[in-house]
Amino acid sequence: MNIRLVRGKTVPVRGGAGRTVHAHEGRIWITEENGADVILETGQSFRLARPGLTVVEAFSDASISIR
């Protein structure tokens, strides 16, 4: 299931350790609680490593999936 995000929209992910965020379109910023920040471009993926809160924000209109 894809999630459409307009620029500036955020999606909170709680307890996401082990899940993968994939950027299908656009540019997104991922910040994990007590972790590093990651920027993904179209076609890139990132596996979440932290069990706390993760926030995904769209730097441009974007389409993502979290599995």
N, C-alpha and C. Protein backbone atom coordinates (compact mmCIF):
# COMPACT_ATOMS: atom_id res chain seq x y z
N MET A 1 0.84 -1.19 0.00
CA MET A 1 0.00 0.00 0.00
C MET A 1 0.89 1.25 0.00
N ASN A 2 0.65 2.13 -0.96
CA ASN A 2 1.41 3.37 -1.03
C ASN A 2 0.71 4.47 -0.25
N ILE A 3 1.51 5.33 0.34
CA ILE A 3 1.02 6.49 1.08
C ILE A 3 1.45 7.73 0.30
N ARG A 4 0.50 8.56 -0.08
CA ARG A 4 0.81 9.81 -0.79
C ARG A 4 1.01 10.91 0.25
N LEU A 5 2.07 11.67 0.09
CA LEU A 5 2.37 12.78 0.99
C LEU A 5 2.60 14.04 0.18
N VAL A 6 1.97 15.14 0.60
CA VAL A 6 2.27 16.43 0.00
C VAL A 6 3.47 17.02 0.74
N ARG A 7 4.14 17.91 0.08
CA ARG A 7 5.33 18.54 0.67
C ARG A 7 5.02 19.06 2.07
N GLY A 8 5.87 18.71 3.04
CA GLY A 8 5.71 19.17 4.42
C GLY A 8 4.89 18.25 5.30
N LYS A 9 4.18 17.31 4.71
CA LYS A 9 3.35 16.37 5.48
C LYS A 9 4.25 15.37 6.20
N THR A 10 3.86 15.00 7.42
CA THR A 10 4.62 14.01 8.18
C THR A 10 3.76 12.79 8.49
N VAL A 11 4.46 11.67 8.68
CA VAL A 11 3.81 10.43 9.09
C VAL A 11 4.59 9.88 10.28
N PRO A 12 3.94 9.71 11.44
CA PRO A 12 4.62 9.09 12.57
C PRO A 12 4.58 7.57 12.44
N VAL A 13 5.69 6.93 12.79
CA VAL A 13 5.75 5.47 12.80
C VAL A 13 6.25 5.06 14.18
N ARG A 14 5.42 4.34 14.91
CA ARG A 14 5.80 3.91 16.27
C ARG A 14 6.16 2.43 16.25
N GLY A 15 7.25 2.09 16.92
CA GLY A 15 7.68 0.69 17.00
C GLY A 15 8.00 0.10 15.64
N GLY A 16 8.67 0.86 14.80
CA GLY A 16 8.91 0.43 13.42
C GLY A 16 10.20 -0.34 13.19
N ALA A 17 10.94 -0.66 14.23
CA ALA A 17 12.22 -1.36 14.04
C ALA A 17 12.01 -2.61 13.19
N GLY A 18 12.84 -2.74 12.16
CA GLY A 18 12.76 -3.89 11.27
C GLY A 18 11.90 -3.64 10.04
N ARG A 19 11.10 -2.59 10.04
CA ARG A 19 10.28 -2.26 8.87
C ARG A 19 11.13 -1.43 7.89
N THR A 20 10.74 -1.45 6.62
CA THR A 20 11.47 -0.73 5.59
C THR A 20 10.60 0.36 4.98
N VAL A 21 11.17 1.56 4.89
CA VAL A 21 10.51 2.69 4.23
C VAL A 21 11.08 2.77 2.82
N HIS A 22 10.21 2.79 1.82
CA HIS A 22 10.64 2.89 0.43
C HIS A 22 10.04 4.14 -0.19
N ALA A 23 10.89 4.95 -0.83
CA ALA A 23 10.44 6.16 -1.52
C ALA A 23 10.15 5.81 -2.98
N HIS A 24 8.88 5.73 -3.34
CA HIS A 24 8.49 5.42 -4.71
C HIS A 24 8.61 6.66 -5.60
N GLU A 25 8.31 7.83 -5.04
CA GLU A 25 8.39 9.10 -5.75
C GLU A 25 8.79 10.18 -4.76
N GLY A 26 9.48 11.20 -5.23
CA GLY A 26 9.78 12.35 -4.40
C GLY A 26 11.00 12.17 -3.51
N ARG A 27 11.12 13.08 -2.57
CA ARG A 27 12.25 13.11 -1.63
C ARG A 27 11.68 13.18 -0.22
N ILE A 28 12.16 12.29 0.66
CA ILE A 28 11.65 12.25 2.04
C ILE A 28 12.80 12.28 3.05
N TRP A 29 12.44 12.71 4.24
CA TRP A 29 13.37 12.77 5.35
C TRP A 29 12.84 11.82 6.42
N ILE A 30 13.73 10.97 6.94
CA ILE A 30 13.37 10.04 8.01
C ILE A 30 14.22 10.38 9.21
N THR A 31 13.58 10.53 10.37
CA THR A 31 14.33 10.75 11.60
C THR A 31 13.83 9.76 12.65
N GLU A 32 14.76 8.96 13.17
CA GLU A 32 14.43 7.97 14.19
C GLU A 32 14.78 8.52 15.57
N GLU A 33 13.96 8.21 16.55
CA GLU A 33 14.22 8.61 17.93
C GLU A 33 15.58 8.06 18.34
N ASN A 34 16.44 8.94 18.84
CA ASN A 34 17.80 8.57 19.27
C ASN A 34 18.62 7.94 18.14
N GLY A 35 18.35 8.34 16.91
CA GLY A 35 19.08 7.80 15.77
C GLY A 35 19.45 8.89 14.79
N ALA A 36 20.03 8.49 13.69
CA ALA A 36 20.46 9.43 12.67
C ALA A 36 19.30 9.80 11.75
N ASP A 37 19.47 10.91 11.06
CA ASP A 37 18.51 11.34 10.05
C ASP A 37 18.96 10.78 8.70
N VAL A 38 17.97 10.44 7.86
CA VAL A 38 18.25 9.88 6.55
C VAL A 38 17.36 10.59 5.53
N ILE A 39 17.92 10.91 4.37
CA ILE A 39 17.14 11.47 3.27
C ILE A 39 17.11 10.43 2.15
N LEU A 40 15.90 10.14 1.67
CA LEU A 40 15.73 9.19 0.57
C LEU A 40 15.23 9.91 -0.66
N GLU A 41 15.78 9.53 -1.80
CA GLU A 41 15.34 9.99 -3.10
C GLU A 41 14.49 8.88 -3.72
N THR A 42 13.80 9.19 -4.80
CA THR A 42 12.99 8.22 -5.51
C THR A 42 13.78 6.93 -5.76
N GLY A 43 13.17 5.79 -5.40
CA GLY A 43 13.78 4.49 -5.63
C GLY A 43 14.63 3.97 -4.48
N GLN A 44 14.91 4.79 -3.48
CA GLN A 44 15.74 4.35 -2.35
C GLN A 44 14.89 3.83 -1.21
N SER A 45 15.52 2.98 -0.39
CA SER A 45 14.85 2.39 0.78
C SER A 45 15.74 2.52 2.00
N PHE A 46 15.10 2.45 3.18
CA PHE A 46 15.84 2.48 4.44
C PHE A 46 15.14 1.58 5.44
N ARG A 47 15.90 0.70 6.09
CA ARG A 47 15.35 -0.18 7.11
C ARG A 47 15.46 0.49 8.47
N LEU A 48 14.33 0.63 9.15
CA LEU A 48 14.30 1.27 10.47
C LEU A 48 14.98 0.38 11.50
N ALA A 49 15.79 1.00 12.36
CA ALA A 49 16.55 0.24 13.35
C ALA A 49 16.13 0.51 14.79
N ARG A 50 15.44 1.61 15.03
CA ARG A 50 15.09 2.01 16.40
C ARG A 50 13.65 1.65 16.75
N PRO A 51 13.40 1.19 17.99
CA PRO A 51 12.05 0.80 18.39
C PRO A 51 11.13 1.96 18.75
N GLY A 52 11.67 3.15 18.97
CA GLY A 52 10.84 4.28 19.38
C GLY A 52 10.12 4.93 18.22
N LEU A 53 9.86 6.23 18.35
CA LEU A 53 9.15 7.00 17.34
C LEU A 53 10.07 7.34 16.16
N THR A 54 9.55 7.14 14.97
CA THR A 54 10.20 7.59 13.73
C THR A 54 9.23 8.53 13.04
N VAL A 55 9.77 9.61 12.47
CA VAL A 55 8.94 10.54 11.72
C VAL A 55 9.45 10.59 10.28
N VAL A 56 8.52 10.44 9.34
CA VAL A 56 8.83 10.53 7.92
C VAL A 56 8.19 11.82 7.42
N GLU A 57 8.99 12.69 6.78
CA GLU A 57 8.47 13.96 6.27
C GLU A 57 8.77 14.07 4.78
N ALA A 58 7.83 14.59 4.02
CA ALA A 58 8.01 14.78 2.59
C ALA A 58 8.69 16.12 2.33
N PHE A 59 9.86 16.10 1.68
CA PHE A 59 10.53 17.33 1.25
C PHE A 59 9.92 17.84 -0.06
N SER A 60 9.27 16.94 -0.78
CA SER A 60 8.52 17.27 -1.99
C SER A 60 7.31 16.35 -2.00
N ASP A 61 6.36 16.58 -2.89
CA ASP A 61 5.26 15.62 -2.98
C ASP A 61 5.86 14.24 -3.19
N ALA A 62 5.36 13.25 -2.47
CA ALA A 62 6.01 11.94 -2.47
C ALA A 62 5.00 10.81 -2.36
N SER A 63 5.47 9.63 -2.70
CA SER A 63 4.73 8.39 -2.51
C SER A 63 5.68 7.42 -1.82
N ILE A 64 5.25 6.85 -0.69
CA ILE A 64 6.10 5.94 0.07
C ILE A 64 5.31 4.67 0.44
N SER A 65 6.05 3.67 0.84
CA SER A 65 5.44 2.50 1.47
C SER A 65 6.30 2.16 2.69
N ILE A 66 5.64 1.59 3.69
CA ILE A 66 6.33 1.17 4.92
C ILE A 66 5.91 -0.27 5.15
N ARG A 67 6.86 -1.18 5.04
CA ARG A 67 6.56 -2.61 5.19
C ARG A 67 7.49 -3.27 6.17
